[in-house]
Amino acid sequence: MIVFAVETSCDETSVCILNNKKKIFSHIVYSQSEHKKHGGVIPELASRSHLTILQKITKQALNQANIDIKKIDVFCATCGPGLIGGLLVGSTFAKSLALGVNKPFMPINHLEGHILSTSFNNDINYPHVCFLLTGGHTQIYLIKGIGKYELLGETLDDAIGEAFDKVAKLLKLSYPGGPIIEKNAIKGNVLAYKLPHPLKKNKNLNFSFSGIKTAVNLIVKNENRISEILIKDLSASFQETVTNILEEKLNLTMKQLIKKKIKTSQISLVGGVAANKYIFKRLKKVANEYDCSLVLPKKFMLSDNAAMIGWTCIKKISKNFSSDLMFKPNPRLSIDT
């Protein structure tokens, strides 16, 4: 079975052709650079770029794969959550291709794409705990099987990736903020600044990051200039604070599961922030305390990409999910829809 997948939920335009034997014939991810000067994604610019780029990279993908489009068995695309303009462009494009060759179309949830990405390169045991850490979402799931997801906690305001981007912008650093913050934090003092720990007294699994961003903003405003020392120390302190929060939430998650007599042997980190080596190292230590392994997707599946969307399509087809050409993209699509 050969699948053609499209991902356009934010500022990455991506297509992938793969099969159910995990063979990737072609995979193209185009990161839109025009958003860097704005320090964040401009939705209208993103959707316009998707429209232009999709046609080009689809031709490239088919050429690289050396596959006739008529040989594609299933077409799929991200249909939410995400920016509505991008979702409309990507899903309409994939539906049109499916109609053109009279093949089925499957709508895919972007979050489910991230959640199932670890199953491409790992043997996943259920029930399974998943920490989804992206620019748009910060969530904890208990995964009981394909299509069986229980949301345990989520952010009440900013997502963790968004917080990295905003702090980087305050420090006059480049976009996206995650990699540059991590790089500067290596030479910084984690104790240089005491940042707030929102919801610390609340023993639930929800997150809040906006207060940390506000604290960083106040520190930057109180400085006469943004020096190299400030950048490194504030990056280190910020990264340390959010890592402490993730550690605490992982501990709480495991304690709650133990109390409910739910046994799990694996924890996965997915999404762009999961690429942060400092965060991974610290959470791996916590996972070991509960005799759990901490698993990651393939590196190319961490950020937004079409490979994870195509792989999710394959996993869902194996559970008898059907074609739905009439599915309407939804910027707030729920994981259980």
Protein backbone atom coordinates (compact mmCIF):
# COMPACT_ATOMS: atom_id res chain seq x y z
CA MET A 1 0.00 0.00 0.00
CA ILE A 2 1.47 3.34 -1.10
CA VAL A 3 0.38 6.56 0.63
CA PHE A 4 0.76 10.18 -0.44
CA ALA A 5 0.69 12.55 2.55
CA VAL A 6 0.48 16.34 2.93
CA GLU A 7 1.27 18.45 6.02
CA THR A 8 0.47 22.21 6.01
CA SER A 9 -0.84 22.95 9.51
CA CYS A 10 1.60 25.79 10.26
CA ASP A 11 4.72 27.07 8.46
CA GLU A 12 6.18 23.81 7.16
CA THR A 13 5.03 22.64 3.73
CA SER A 14 5.66 18.93 3.45
CA VAL A 15 4.78 15.94 1.27
CA CYS A 16 5.76 12.31 1.66
CA ILE A 17 5.32 9.11 -0.32
CA LEU A 18 5.73 5.94 1.75
CA ASN A 19 4.34 2.45 2.07
CA ASN A 20 3.10 0.20 4.85
CA LYS A 21 6.49 -1.57 4.98
CA LYS A 22 8.05 1.67 6.31
CA LYS A 23 9.78 2.42 3.03
CA ILE A 24 9.93 6.16 2.41
CA PHE A 25 10.20 6.79 -1.33
CA SER A 26 10.42 10.57 -0.96
CA HIS A 27 9.98 13.09 1.83
CA ILE A 28 10.25 16.85 1.36
CA VAL A 29 9.91 19.42 4.14
CA TYR A 30 10.05 23.07 3.14
CA SER A 31 10.39 25.49 6.07
CA GLN A 32 9.05 28.91 5.16
CA SER A 33 11.86 31.39 5.89
CA GLU A 34 9.77 34.55 5.36
CA HIS A 35 8.43 34.36 8.93
CA LYS A 36 11.86 34.85 10.54
CA LYS A 37 11.85 38.63 10.14
CA HIS A 38 8.51 38.75 11.96
CA GLY A 39 9.68 36.57 14.86
CA GLY A 40 6.69 34.28 14.40
CA VAL A 41 4.29 32.79 11.87
CA ILE A 42 2.04 35.12 9.88
CA PRO A 43 -1.00 32.94 8.96
CA GLU A 44 -1.86 34.66 5.66
CA LEU A 45 1.73 34.48 4.43
CA ALA A 46 1.90 30.82 5.44
CA SER A 47 -1.22 29.79 3.51
CA ARG A 48 -0.09 31.66 0.37
CA SER A 49 3.29 29.96 0.53
CA HIS A 50 1.71 26.53 0.98
CA LEU A 51 -0.30 27.06 -2.21
CA THR A 52 2.81 27.87 -4.23
CA ILE A 53 5.19 25.38 -2.68
CA LEU A 54 2.89 22.33 -2.66
CA GLN A 55 2.68 22.13 -6.43
CA LYS A 56 6.47 22.30 -6.80
CA ILE A 57 7.41 19.78 -4.12
CA THR A 58 4.71 17.32 -5.20
CA LYS A 59 6.31 17.10 -8.64
CA GLN A 60 9.72 16.70 -6.97
CA ALA A 61 8.43 13.98 -4.65
CA LEU A 62 6.88 11.95 -7.47
CA ASN A 63 10.09 12.27 -9.50
CA GLN A 64 12.28 11.24 -6.56
CA ALA A 65 10.04 8.28 -5.81
CA ASN A 66 9.83 7.35 -9.50
CA ILE A 67 6.17 6.53 -8.95
CA ASP A 68 3.24 7.31 -11.23
CA ILE A 69 0.55 9.16 -9.29
CA LYS A 70 -1.96 6.54 -10.43
CA LYS A 71 0.00 3.99 -8.37
CA ILE A 72 -0.78 5.84 -5.13
CA ASP A 73 -3.34 3.82 -3.13
CA VAL A 74 -4.39 6.43 -0.55
CA PHE A 75 -4.08 10.21 -0.22
CA CYS A 76 -4.13 11.94 3.16
CA ALA A 77 -3.57 15.37 4.66
CA THR A 78 -3.55 17.14 8.00
CA CYS A 79 -7.08 18.47 8.60
CA GLY A 80 -6.54 20.00 12.03
CA PRO A 81 -5.69 21.39 14.42
CA GLY A 82 -3.66 24.24 12.97
CA LEU A 83 -3.98 27.45 10.98
CA ILE A 84 -7.18 27.24 8.95
CA GLY A 85 -5.65 28.72 5.79
CA GLY A 86 -2.91 26.13 5.66
CA LEU A 87 -5.31 23.29 6.52
CA LEU A 88 -7.64 24.30 3.69
CA VAL A 89 -4.82 24.53 1.17
CA GLY A 90 -3.26 21.17 2.09
CA SER A 91 -6.46 19.16 2.44
CA THR A 92 -8.04 20.58 -0.73
CA PHE A 93 -4.85 19.84 -2.67
CA ALA A 94 -4.70 16.22 -1.45
CA LYS A 95 -8.45 15.70 -2.03
CA SER A 96 -8.10 16.99 -5.59
CA LEU A 97 -5.29 14.54 -6.29
CA ALA A 98 -7.37 11.70 -4.83
CA LEU A 99 -10.39 12.63 -6.94
CA GLY A 100 -8.22 12.93 -10.03
CA VAL A 101 -7.10 9.32 -9.84
CA ASN A 102 -10.24 7.98 -8.14
CA LYS A 103 -8.53 6.97 -4.90
CA PRO A 104 -9.60 7.34 -1.24
CA PHE A 105 -8.73 10.33 0.96
CA MET A 106 -8.15 10.14 4.71
CA PRO A 107 -8.22 13.20 6.99
CA ILE A 108 -5.48 13.06 9.64
CA ASN A 109 -5.29 14.80 13.00
CA HIS A 110 -1.98 16.64 13.35
CA LEU A 111 -1.69 15.75 17.05
CA GLU A 112 -2.33 12.09 16.34
CA GLY A 113 0.45 12.30 13.76
CA HIS A 114 2.87 13.36 16.49
CA ILE A 115 1.53 10.83 18.98
CA LEU A 116 1.94 7.87 16.62
CA SER A 117 5.30 9.03 15.24
CA THR A 118 7.24 6.99 17.82
CA SER A 119 5.62 3.78 16.55
CA PHE A 120 7.54 4.14 13.27
CA ASN A 121 10.87 3.27 14.90
CA ASN A 122 9.85 1.76 18.24
CA ASP A 123 7.78 -1.22 19.38
CA ILE A 124 5.17 0.57 21.45
CA ASN A 125 3.61 -1.13 24.46
CA TYR A 126 0.15 -0.11 25.64
CA PRO A 127 -0.89 1.62 27.78
CA HIS A 128 1.68 4.22 26.88
CA VAL A 129 2.37 7.73 28.20
CA CYS A 130 3.05 10.48 25.67
CA PHE A 131 4.29 14.03 26.28
CA LEU A 132 3.41 16.13 23.21
CA LEU A 133 5.66 19.22 23.16
CA THR A 134 5.22 21.52 20.14
CA GLY A 135 4.94 25.17 19.21
CA GLY A 136 1.17 24.99 19.36
CA HIS A 137 0.46 22.33 21.99
CA THR A 138 1.69 20.98 25.30
CA GLN A 139 -0.25 17.90 26.33
CA ILE A 140 0.02 14.63 28.21
CA TYR A 141 -1.80 11.56 26.88
CA LEU A 142 -2.40 8.05 28.06
CA ILE A 143 -2.45 6.00 24.86
CA LYS A 144 -4.43 2.78 25.13
CA GLY A 145 -4.15 1.85 21.44
CA ILE A 146 -4.61 3.30 17.96
CA GLY A 147 -7.46 5.80 18.20
CA LYS A 148 -7.75 5.37 21.97
CA TYR A 149 -6.30 8.45 23.63
CA GLU A 150 -7.01 9.91 27.05
CA LEU A 151 -5.95 13.52 27.61
CA LEU A 152 -4.41 13.78 31.09
CA GLY A 153 -3.23 17.39 31.03
CA GLU A 154 -2.59 20.35 28.74
CA THR A 155 -1.41 23.95 28.74
CA LEU A 156 -3.85 26.60 29.91
CA ASP A 157 -2.17 29.33 27.85
CA ASP A 158 1.08 29.29 25.84
CA ALA A 159 2.50 26.05 24.47
CA ILE A 160 6.06 25.20 25.46
CA GLY A 161 7.41 25.72 21.94
CA GLU A 162 5.63 29.05 21.75
CA ALA A 163 7.27 30.06 25.03
CA PHE A 164 10.71 29.24 23.59
CA ASP A 165 9.91 31.37 20.52
CA LYS A 166 8.66 34.33 22.57
CA VAL A 167 11.66 34.31 24.90
CA ALA A 168 13.99 34.17 21.90
CA LYS A 169 12.20 37.14 20.38
CA LEU A 170 12.55 39.12 23.64
CA LEU A 171 16.29 38.38 23.57
CA LYS A 172 16.50 39.49 19.90
CA LEU A 173 17.39 35.97 18.81
CA SER A 174 16.30 34.21 15.62
CA TYR A 175 13.14 32.21 14.95
CA PRO A 176 12.43 29.41 15.75
CA GLY A 177 13.57 29.96 19.30
CA GLY A 178 14.06 26.42 20.59
CA PRO A 179 17.44 25.55 19.04
CA ILE A 180 19.01 28.98 19.67
CA ILE A 181 17.85 29.06 23.31
CA GLU A 182 19.26 25.56 23.87
CA LYS A 183 22.58 26.55 22.28
CA ASN A 184 22.96 29.68 24.43
CA ALA A 185 21.86 27.89 27.59
CA ILE A 186 24.89 25.58 27.43
CA LYS A 187 27.21 28.40 28.53
CA GLY A 188 24.73 30.12 30.85
CA ASN A 189 24.12 30.00 34.60
CA VAL A 190 20.84 28.21 35.38
CA LEU A 191 20.71 29.99 38.77
CA ALA A 192 21.25 33.49 37.38
CA TYR A 193 17.54 34.33 37.36
CA LYS A 194 14.70 32.98 39.44
CA LEU A 195 11.70 32.57 37.16
CA PRO A 196 8.15 31.67 38.29
CA HIS A 197 6.89 28.11 38.36
CA PRO A 198 3.19 28.46 37.44
CA LEU A 199 0.70 25.95 38.90
CA LYS A 200 3.39 24.55 41.21
CA LYS A 201 0.90 24.22 44.06
CA ASN A 202 -1.75 22.66 41.83
CA LYS A 203 -1.32 18.91 41.83
CA ASN A 204 -2.91 18.38 38.43
CA LEU A 205 -1.26 17.72 35.07
CA ASN A 206 -1.97 21.05 33.38
CA PHE A 207 0.72 23.52 32.29
CA SER A 208 1.09 27.30 32.17
CA PHE A 209 3.99 29.14 30.52
CA SER A 210 2.76 32.70 29.95
CA GLY A 211 3.89 33.87 33.39
CA ILE A 212 7.46 32.76 32.67
CA LYS A 213 7.45 34.73 29.41
CA THR A 214 6.17 37.82 31.26
CA ALA A 215 8.94 37.47 33.87
CA VAL A 216 11.58 37.27 31.13
CA ASN A 217 10.09 40.36 29.50
CA LEU A 218 10.40 42.33 32.76
CA ILE A 219 14.02 41.23 33.24
CA VAL A 220 14.95 42.28 29.71
CA LYS A 221 13.26 45.68 30.16
CA ASN A 222 15.19 46.31 33.38
CA GLU A 223 18.52 45.79 31.63
CA ASN A 224 20.22 48.66 29.84
CA ARG A 225 21.10 46.44 26.92
CA ILE A 226 20.86 42.83 25.80
CA SER A 227 24.37 41.55 26.45
CA GLU A 228 25.85 38.15 25.64
CA ILE A 229 25.91 37.31 29.34
CA LEU A 230 22.23 38.20 29.70
CA ILE A 231 21.31 36.05 26.70
CA LYS A 232 23.22 33.02 27.94
CA ASP A 233 22.14 33.27 31.59
CA LEU A 234 18.50 34.01 30.83
CA SER A 235 18.40 31.21 28.24
CA ALA A 236 19.84 28.81 30.82
CA SER A 237 17.45 29.93 33.56
CA PHE A 238 14.45 29.71 31.26
CA GLN A 239 15.35 26.26 29.95
CA GLU A 240 15.99 25.06 33.50
CA THR A 241 12.61 26.34 34.68
CA VAL A 242 10.57 24.70 31.92
CA THR A 243 12.55 21.46 32.37
CA ASN A 244 11.76 21.49 36.10
CA ILE A 245 8.08 21.90 35.23
CA LEU A 246 8.18 18.96 32.82
CA GLU A 247 10.00 16.83 35.41
CA GLU A 248 7.37 17.61 38.01
CA LYS A 249 4.51 16.81 35.63
CA LEU A 250 6.11 13.52 34.62
CA ASN A 251 6.49 12.55 38.28
CA LEU A 252 2.85 13.46 38.96
CA THR A 253 1.71 11.52 35.90
CA MET A 254 3.48 8.36 36.96
CA LYS A 255 2.26 8.64 40.57
CA GLN A 256 -1.33 9.06 39.38
CA LEU A 257 -1.08 6.04 37.10
CA ILE A 258 0.40 3.94 39.90
CA LYS A 259 -2.45 5.03 42.18
CA LYS A 260 -4.94 3.91 39.51
CA LYS A 261 -2.99 0.64 39.12
CA ILE A 262 -2.21 1.39 35.48
CA LYS A 263 1.12 -0.12 34.49
CA THR A 264 3.22 1.34 31.70
CA SER A 265 6.77 0.58 30.64
CA GLN A 266 7.29 3.40 28.11
CA ILE A 267 7.08 7.16 27.92
CA SER A 268 7.44 9.02 24.65
CA LEU A 269 8.41 12.60 23.86
CA VAL A 270 7.09 13.92 20.56
CA GLY A 271 7.03 17.28 18.77
CA GLY A 272 9.74 19.81 18.02
CA VAL A 273 10.67 20.52 21.66
CA ALA A 274 11.46 16.81 22.12
CA ALA A 275 14.63 17.51 20.12
CA ASN A 276 16.00 19.46 23.10
CA LYS A 277 18.79 17.25 24.45
CA TYR A 278 18.81 18.88 27.89
CA ILE A 279 15.11 18.20 28.39
CA PHE A 280 15.43 14.63 27.10
CA LYS A 281 18.34 13.85 29.45
CA ARG A 282 16.50 15.13 32.49
CA LEU A 283 13.21 13.36 31.69
CA LYS A 284 15.05 10.14 30.90
CA LYS A 285 16.38 10.16 34.45
CA VAL A 286 12.83 10.49 35.82
CA ALA A 287 11.57 7.72 33.53
CA ASN A 288 14.34 5.39 34.78
CA GLU A 289 13.14 5.92 38.36
CA TYR A 290 9.83 4.32 37.33
CA ASP A 291 11.49 1.52 35.32
CA CYS A 292 10.28 3.08 32.09
CA SER A 293 12.13 3.69 28.85
CA LEU A 294 11.94 7.14 27.24
CA VAL A 295 11.50 6.93 23.47
CA LEU A 296 11.67 9.45 20.64
CA PRO A 297 10.51 9.40 17.02
CA LYS A 298 13.06 9.49 14.21
CA LYS A 299 14.73 12.91 14.08
CA PHE A 300 12.98 13.81 10.81
CA MET A 301 9.61 13.15 12.46
CA LEU A 302 10.08 15.50 15.42
CA SER A 303 9.05 18.77 13.82
CA ASP A 304 5.98 19.13 11.56
CA ASN A 305 6.34 16.76 8.61
CA ALA A 306 4.30 14.70 6.14
CA ALA A 307 6.01 11.40 7.00
CA MET A 308 4.26 11.21 10.37
CA ILE A 309 0.95 12.09 8.68
CA GLY A 310 1.38 9.31 6.12
CA TRP A 311 2.44 6.84 8.81
CA THR A 312 -0.63 7.73 10.90
CA CYS A 313 -2.79 7.13 7.83
CA ILE A 314 -1.27 3.66 7.47
CA LYS A 315 -1.80 2.87 11.17
CA LYS A 316 -5.44 4.00 11.02
CA ILE A 317 -6.18 2.09 7.81
CA SER A 318 -5.00 -1.06 9.60
CA LYS A 319 -7.82 -0.40 12.09
CA ASN A 320 -10.42 -0.11 9.30
CA PHE A 321 -10.83 3.66 9.25
CA SER A 322 -12.54 4.70 6.02
CA SER A 323 -12.19 7.37 3.31
CA ASP A 324 -13.83 10.76 3.91
CA LEU A 325 -13.58 13.24 1.04
CA MET A 326 -16.22 15.46 2.65
CA PHE A 327 -14.28 15.98 5.89
CA LYS A 328 -13.99 19.70 6.70
CA PRO A 329 -10.69 21.02 8.09
CA ASN A 330 -11.01 22.25 11.66
CA PRO A 331 -8.39 24.53 13.31
CA ARG A 332 -9.47 23.18 16.72
CA LEU A 333 -9.89 19.55 15.73
CA SER A 334 -10.07 17.28 18.75
CA ILE A 335 -7.91 14.20 19.04
CA ASP A 336 -10.98 11.99 19.58
CA THR A 337 -12.86 13.26 16.50
